[in-house]
PDB file of N, CA and C in Angstrom:
ATOM      1  N   MET A   1      -2.215 -42.848  -8.822  1.00  0.00           N
ATOM      2  CA  MET A   1      -1.476 -42.177  -9.290  1.00  0.00           C
ATOM      3  C   MET A   1      -2.686 -41.100 -10.341  1.00  0.00           C
ATOM      4  N   ALA A   2      -2.925 -39.875 -10.112  1.00  0.00           N
ATOM      5  CA  ALA A   2      -3.966 -39.320 -10.222  1.00  0.00           C
ATOM      6  C   ALA A   2      -4.158 -39.053 -12.141  1.00  0.00           C
ATOM      7  N   SER A   3      -5.272 -39.525 -12.415  1.00  0.00           N
ATOM      8  CA  SER A   3      -5.381 -39.188 -13.977  1.00  0.00           C
ATOM      9  C   SER A   3      -5.812 -38.226 -14.289  1.00  0.00           C
ATOM     10  N   GLY A   4      -5.581 -37.484 -15.818  1.00  0.00           N
ATOM     11  CA  GLY A   4      -5.561 -36.462 -16.431  1.00  0.00           C
ATOM     12  C   GLY A   4      -6.698 -35.548 -16.000  1.00  0.00           C
ATOM     13  N   ALA A   5      -8.087 -35.882 -15.562  1.00  0.00           N
ATOM     14  CA  ALA A   5      -9.016 -35.363 -15.502  1.00  0.00           C
ATOM     15  C   ALA A   5      -9.168 -34.904 -13.866  1.00  0.00           C
ATOM     16  N   ASP A   6      -8.373 -35.655 -13.052  1.00  0.00           N
ATOM     17  CA  ASP A   6      -8.096 -35.141 -11.646  1.00  0.00           C
ATOM     18  C   ASP A   6      -7.179 -34.222 -11.266  1.00  0.00           C
ATOM     19  N   ALA A   7      -5.927 -34.238 -12.580  1.00  0.00           N
ATOM     20  CA  ALA A   7      -4.737 -33.333 -12.420  1.00  0.00           C
ATOM     21  C   ALA A   7      -5.433 -31.986 -12.660  1.00  0.00           C
ATOM     22  N   LEU A   8      -6.013 -31.657 -13.739  1.00  0.00           N
ATOM     23  CA  LEU A   8      -6.644 -30.446 -14.379  1.00  0.00           C
ATOM     24  C   LEU A   8      -7.295 -29.452 -13.111  1.00  0.00           C
ATOM     25  N   PRO A   9      -8.199 -29.806 -12.127  1.00  0.00           N
ATOM     26  CA  PRO A   9      -8.242 -28.731 -11.168  1.00  0.00           C
ATOM     27  C   PRO A   9      -7.138 -28.166 -10.575  1.00  0.00           C
ATOM     28  N   ARG A  10      -6.260 -29.530 -10.169  1.00  0.00           N
ATOM     29  CA  ARG A  10      -5.267 -29.095  -9.562  1.00  0.00           C
ATOM     30  C   ARG A  10      -4.398 -27.911  -9.977  1.00  0.00           C
ATOM     31  N   VAL A  11      -4.131 -28.161 -11.294  1.00  0.00           N
ATOM     32  CA  VAL A  11      -3.130 -27.333 -12.073  1.00  0.00           C
ATOM     33  C   VAL A  11      -3.747 -25.967 -12.373  1.00  0.00           C
ATOM     34  N   VAL A  12      -5.292 -25.928 -12.283  1.00  0.00           N
ATOM     35  CA  VAL A  12      -6.213 -24.542 -12.397  1.00  0.00           C
ATOM     36  C   VAL A  12      -5.962 -23.734 -11.048  1.00  0.00           C
ATOM     37  N   VAL A  13      -6.133 -24.489  -9.837  1.00  0.00           N
ATOM     38  CA  VAL A  13      -6.103 -23.927  -8.715  1.00  0.00           C
ATOM     39  C   VAL A  13      -4.808 -23.403  -8.258  1.00  0.00           C
ATOM     40  N   LEU A  14      -3.615 -24.069  -8.923  1.00  0.00           N
ATOM     41  CA  LEU A  14      -2.290 -23.688  -8.696  1.00  0.00           C
ATOM     42  C   LEU A  14      -2.158 -22.569  -9.468  1.00  0.00           C
ATOM     43  N   LEU A  15      -2.363 -22.447 -10.611  1.00  0.00           N
ATOM     44  CA  LEU A  15      -1.923 -21.020 -11.678  1.00  0.00           C
ATOM     45  C   LEU A  15      -3.089 -20.133 -11.079  1.00  0.00           C
ATOM     46  N   THR A  16      -4.271 -20.204 -10.696  1.00  0.00           N
ATOM     47  CA  THR A  16      -4.674 -18.902  -9.953  1.00  0.00           C
ATOM     48  C   THR A  16      -4.580 -18.329  -8.772  1.00  0.00           C
ATOM     49  N   ALA A  17      -3.742 -19.500  -8.064  1.00  0.00           N
ATOM     50  CA  ALA A  17      -2.842 -18.908  -6.623  1.00  0.00           C
ATOM     51  C   ALA A  17      -1.671 -18.067  -7.152  1.00  0.00           C
ATOM     52  N   LEU A  18      -0.867 -18.300  -8.011  1.00  0.00           N
ATOM     53  CA  LEU A  18       0.229 -18.001  -8.410  1.00  0.00           C
ATOM     54  C   LEU A  18      -0.056 -16.490  -9.375  1.00  0.00           C
ATOM     55  N   ILE A  19      -0.956 -16.696  -9.859  1.00  0.00           N
ATOM     56  CA  ILE A  19      -1.392 -15.088 -10.471  1.00  0.00           C
ATOM     57  C   ILE A  19      -1.692 -14.324  -9.560  1.00  0.00           C
ATOM     58  N   ALA A  20      -2.500 -14.990  -8.593  1.00  0.00           N
ATOM     59  CA  ALA A  20      -3.341 -13.822  -7.481  1.00  0.00           C
ATOM     60  C   ALA A  20      -1.704 -13.271  -6.633  1.00  0.00           C
ATOM     61  N   ALA A  21      -0.914 -14.129  -6.281  1.00  0.00           N
ATOM     62  CA  ALA A  21       0.097 -13.881  -5.511  1.00  0.00           C
ATOM     63  C   ALA A  21       1.074 -12.727  -6.440  1.00  0.00           C
ATOM     64  N   PHE A  22       1.165 -13.076  -7.613  1.00  0.00           N
ATOM     65  CA  PHE A  22       1.730 -12.368  -8.509  1.00  0.00           C
ATOM     66  C   PHE A  22       1.112 -10.563  -8.390  1.00  0.00           C
ATOM     67  N   PHE A  23      -0.082 -10.815  -8.615  1.00  0.00           N
ATOM     68  CA  PHE A  23      -0.924  -9.525  -8.355  1.00  0.00           C
ATOM     69  C   PHE A  23      -0.758  -8.687  -7.203  1.00  0.00           C
ATOM     70  N   LEU A  24      -0.614  -9.517  -6.194  1.00  0.00           N
ATOM     71  CA  LEU A  24      -0.685  -9.087  -4.825  1.00  0.00           C
ATOM     72  C   LEU A  24       0.577  -8.015  -4.587  1.00  0.00           C
ATOM     73  N   LEU A  25       1.683  -8.904  -4.910  1.00  0.00           N
ATOM     74  CA  LEU A  25       3.101  -8.566  -4.710  1.00  0.00           C
ATOM     75  C   LEU A  25       3.121  -7.297  -5.600  1.00  0.00           C
ATOM     76  N   LEU A  26       2.540  -7.074  -6.855  1.00  0.00           N
ATOM     77  CA  LEU A  26       2.819  -6.095  -7.724  1.00  0.00           C
ATOM     78  C   LEU A  26       1.676  -4.889  -7.309  1.00  0.00           C
ATOM     79  N   ALA A  27       0.635  -4.978  -6.619  1.00  0.00           N
ATOM     80  CA  ALA A  27      -0.086  -4.196  -5.864  1.00  0.00           C
ATOM     81  C   ALA A  27       0.890  -3.482  -4.839  1.00  0.00           C
ATOM     82  N   SER A  28       1.208  -4.316  -3.855  1.00  0.00           N
ATOM     83  CA  SER A  28       1.832  -3.924  -2.753  1.00  0.00           C
ATOM     84  C   SER A  28       3.184  -2.948  -3.004  1.00  0.00           C
ATOM     85  N   GLY A  29       3.851  -3.110  -4.009  1.00  0.00           N
ATOM     86  CA  GLY A  29       5.063  -2.332  -4.554  1.00  0.00           C
ATOM     87  C   GLY A  29       4.427  -1.114  -5.057  1.00  0.00           C
ATOM     88  N   VAL A  30       3.277  -0.711  -5.842  1.00  0.00           N
ATOM     89  CA  VAL A  30       2.756   0.055  -6.239  1.00  0.00           C
ATOM     90  C   VAL A  30       2.180   1.254  -4.962  1.00  0.00           C
ATOM     91  N   SER A  31       1.653   0.432  -3.867  1.00  0.00           N
ATOM     92  CA  SER A  31       1.139   1.185  -2.873  1.00  0.00           C
ATOM     93  C   SER A  31       2.185   1.529  -2.310  1.00  0.00           C
ATOM     94  N   ALA A  32       3.444   1.238  -1.869  1.00  0.00           N
ATOM     95  CA  ALA A  32       4.153   1.473  -1.336  1.00  0.00           C
ATOM     96  C   ALA A  32       5.044   2.372  -1.773  1.00  0.00           C
ATOM     97  N   ARG A  33       5.112   2.571  -3.131  1.00  0.00           N
ATOM     98  CA  ARG A  33       5.621   3.851  -3.889  1.00  0.00           C
ATOM     99  C   ARG A  33       5.189   4.927  -3.650  1.00  0.00           C
ATOM    100  N   GLY A  34       3.455   4.740  -3.473  1.00  0.00           N
ATOM    101  CA  GLY A  34       2.731   5.950  -3.116  1.00  0.00           C
ATOM    102  C   GLY A  34       3.104   7.277  -4.036  1.00  0.00           C
ATOM    103  N   ASP A  35       2.543   8.728  -3.484  1.00  0.00           N
ATOM    104  CA  ASP A  35       2.834   9.771  -4.379  1.00  0.00           C
ATOM    105  C   ASP A  35       4.198  10.515  -4.089  1.00  0.00           C
ATOM    106  N   GLY A  36       4.733   9.953  -3.439  1.00  0.00           N
ATOM    107  CA  GLY A  36       5.896  10.746  -2.902  1.00  0.00           C
ATOM    108  C   GLY A  36       6.757  10.109  -1.459  1.00  0.00           C
ATOM    109  N   ASP A  37       7.663  10.995  -0.922  1.00  0.00           N
ATOM    110  CA  ASP A  37       8.191  10.542   0.498  1.00  0.00           C
ATOM    111  C   ASP A  37       7.445  10.939   1.226  1.00  0.00           C
ATOM    112  N   VAL A  38       7.187  10.441   2.407  1.00  0.00           N
ATOM    113  CA  VAL A  38       6.330  10.534   3.686  1.00  0.00           C
ATOM    114  C   VAL A  38       7.529  11.566   4.570  1.00  0.00           C
ATOM    115  N   ARG A  39       8.636  11.714   4.443  1.00  0.00           N
ATOM    116  CA  ARG A  39       9.045  12.861   4.873  1.00  0.00           C
ATOM    117  C   ARG A  39       8.748  14.120   4.372  1.00  0.00           C
ATOM    118  N   ARG A  40       8.563  14.539   3.134  1.00  0.00           N
ATOM    119  CA  ARG A  40       8.235  15.581   2.187  1.00  0.00           C
ATOM    120  C   ARG A  40       6.899  15.754   3.267  1.00  0.00           C
ATOM    121  N   THR A  41       5.974  14.912   3.094  1.00  0.00           N
ATOM    122  CA  THR A  41       4.539  15.080   3.725  1.00  0.00           C
ATOM    123  C   THR A  41       4.534  15.544   5.222  1.00  0.00           C
ATOM    124  N   VAL A  42       5.503  14.840   5.655  1.00  0.00           N
ATOM    125  CA  VAL A  42       5.520  15.308   7.440  1.00  0.00           C
ATOM    126  C   VAL A  42       6.281  16.814   7.371  1.00  0.00           C
ATOM    127  N   PHE A  43       7.022  17.334   6.388  1.00  0.00           N
ATOM    128  CA  PHE A  43       7.633  18.617   6.526  1.00  0.00           C
ATOM    129  C   PHE A  43       6.797  19.567   6.190  1.00  0.00           C
ATOM    130  N   GLU A  44       5.805  19.130   5.106  1.00  0.00           N
ATOM    131  CA  GLU A  44       4.657  20.434   4.915  1.00  0.00           C
ATOM    132  C   GLU A  44       3.630  20.355   5.792  1.00  0.00           C
ATOM    133  N   LEU A  45       2.890  19.260   6.728  1.00  0.00           N
ATOM    134  CA  LEU A  45       2.430  19.639   7.635  1.00  0.00           C
ATOM    135  C   LEU A  45       2.944  20.066   8.622  1.00  0.00           C
ATOM    136  N   ARG A  46       4.172  20.132   9.184  1.00  0.00           N
ATOM    137  CA  ARG A  46       4.991  20.863  10.056  1.00  0.00           C
ATOM    138  C   ARG A  46       4.556  22.774   9.790  1.00  0.00           C
ATOM    139  N   ALA A  47       4.695  22.748   8.286  1.00  0.00           N
ATOM    140  CA  ALA A  47       5.132  24.086   7.894  1.00  0.00           C
ATOM    141  C   ALA A  47       3.894  24.844   8.156  1.00  0.00           C
ATOM    142  N   LEU A  48       2.623  24.177   7.762  1.00  0.00           N
ATOM    143  CA  LEU A  48       1.575  24.466   7.388  1.00  0.00           C
ATOM    144  C   LEU A  48       0.909  24.874   8.951  1.00  0.00           C
ATOM    145  N   ASN A  49       1.256  24.111   9.867  1.00  0.00           N
ATOM    146  CA  ASN A  49       0.814  24.092  11.318  1.00  0.00           C
ATOM    147  C   ASN A  49       1.660  24.746  11.915  1.00  0.00           C
ATOM    148  N   GLN A  50       2.776  25.447  11.543  1.00  0.00           N
ATOM    149  CA  GLN A  50       3.994  26.020  12.420  1.00  0.00           C
ATOM    150  C   GLN A  50       4.120  25.225  13.793  1.00  0.00           C
ATOM    151  N   LEU A  51       4.393  23.702  13.311  1.00  0.00           N
ATOM    152  CA  LEU A  51       5.082  23.053  14.480  1.00  0.00           C
ATOM    153  C   LEU A  51       6.291  22.937  14.666  1.00  0.00           C
ATOM    154  N   THR A  52       6.796  23.026  15.609  1.00  0.00           N
ATOM    155  CA  THR A  52       8.508  22.769  16.074  1.00  0.00           C
ATOM    156  C   THR A  52       9.104  21.255  15.973  1.00  0.00           C
ATOM    157  N   ASP A  53       7.856  20.438  16.014  1.00  0.00           N
ATOM    158  CA  ASP A  53       8.198  19.125  15.810  1.00  0.00           C
ATOM    159  C   ASP A  53       7.199  18.274  14.901  1.00  0.00           C
ATOM    160  N   SER A  54       7.121  16.865  14.900  1.00  0.00           N
ATOM    161  CA  SER A  54       6.407  16.047  14.378  1.00  0.00           C
ATOM    162  C   SER A  54       5.255  15.359  15.321  1.00  0.00           C
ATOM    163  N   LEU A  55       5.225  15.814  16.542  1.00  0.00           N
ATOM    164  CA  LEU A  55       4.671  14.935  17.553  1.00  0.00           C
ATOM    165  C   LEU A  55       3.310  15.697  17.587  1.00  0.00           C
ATOM    166  N   ILE A  56       2.116  15.040  16.837  1.00  0.00           N
ATOM    167  CA  ILE A  56       0.577  15.254  16.721  1.00  0.00           C
ATOM    168  C   ILE A  56      -0.119  14.575  17.805  1.00  0.00           C
ATOM    169  N   MET A  57      -0.571  14.791  18.813  1.00  0.00           N
ATOM    170  CA  MET A  57      -1.347  14.166  19.909  1.00  0.00           C
ATOM    171  C   MET A  57      -2.646  13.997  19.549  1.00  0.00           C
ATOM    172  N   ALA A  58      -3.664  13.149  19.937  1.00  0.00           N
ATOM    173  CA  ALA A  58      -5.118  13.005  20.071  1.00  0.00           C
ATOM    174  C   ALA A  58      -5.737  14.156  20.287  1.00  0.00           C
ATOM    175  N   GLY A  59      -6.532  14.880  19.676  1.00  0.00           N
ATOM    176  CA  GLY A  59      -7.433  15.911  19.816  1.00  0.00           C
ATOM    177  C   GLY A  59      -6.617  16.976  19.028  1.00  0.00           C
ATOM    178  N   ASP A  60      -5.549  17.166  18.999  1.00  0.00           N
ATOM    179  CA  ASP A  60      -4.715  18.472  18.155  1.00  0.00           C
ATOM    180  C   ASP A  60      -5.497  18.583  16.808  1.00  0.00           C
ATOM    181  N   ARG A  61      -5.725  19.901  16.386  1.00  0.00           N
ATOM    182  CA  ARG A  61      -6.504  20.309  15.366  1.00  0.00           C
ATOM    183  C   ARG A  61      -5.145  20.895  14.416  1.00  0.00           C
ATOM    184  N   ILE A  62      -5.155  20.022  13.308  1.00  0.00           N
ATOM    185  CA  ILE A  62      -4.228  20.492  12.211  1.00  0.00           C
ATOM    186  C   ILE A  62      -4.809  20.999  10.816  1.00  0.00           C
ATOM    187  N   LEU A  63      -4.021  21.883  10.139  1.00  0.00           N
ATOM    188  CA  LEU A  63      -4.451  22.224   8.900  1.00  0.00           C
ATOM    189  C   LEU A  63      -3.928  21.075   8.073  1.00  0.00           C
ATOM    190  N   ILE A  64      -4.593  20.417   6.946  1.00  0.00           N
ATOM    191  CA  ILE A  64      -4.165  19.529   5.901  1.00  0.00           C
ATOM    192  C   ILE A  64      -4.149  20.293   4.637  1.00  0.00           C
ATOM    193  N   PRO A  65      -3.102  20.137   3.916  1.00  0.00           N
ATOM    194  CA  PRO A  65      -3.099  20.687   2.224  1.00  0.00           C
ATOM    195  C   PRO A  65      -4.182  19.977   1.644  1.00  0.00           C
ATOM    196  N   ARG A  66      -4.571  20.826   0.683  1.00  0.00           N
ATOM    197  CA  ARG A  66      -5.535  20.410  -0.282  1.00  0.00           C
ATOM    198  C   ARG A  66      -4.835  19.513  -1.414  1.00  0.00           C
ATOM    199  N   GLY A  67      -5.256  18.566  -1.811  1.00  0.00           N
ATOM    200  CA  GLY A  67      -4.228  17.862  -3.035  1.00  0.00           C
ATOM    201  C   GLY A  67      -4.638  18.493  -4.198  1.00  0.00           C
ATOM    202  N   GLY A  68      -3.741  18.399  -4.985  1.00  0.00           N
ATOM    203  CA  GLY A  68      -3.719  19.058  -6.183  1.00  0.00           C
ATOM    204  C   GLY A  68      -3.260  17.914  -7.565  1.00  0.00           C
TER     205      GLY A  68
END
């Protein structure tokens, strides 16, 4: 059976891993929300570039709205 001195590093590692997992989950939730709906961004790009659909191919030149 592990003594108190042997168990302490394991507890520290476990707590550190749990805290890191919590912050990773929190960060992923924040980044998933972002600044808004992706559909709105696609709509703005289509309107700005007078596109009939949302298909953009490699090499196409498009205008990007300036962030504000």
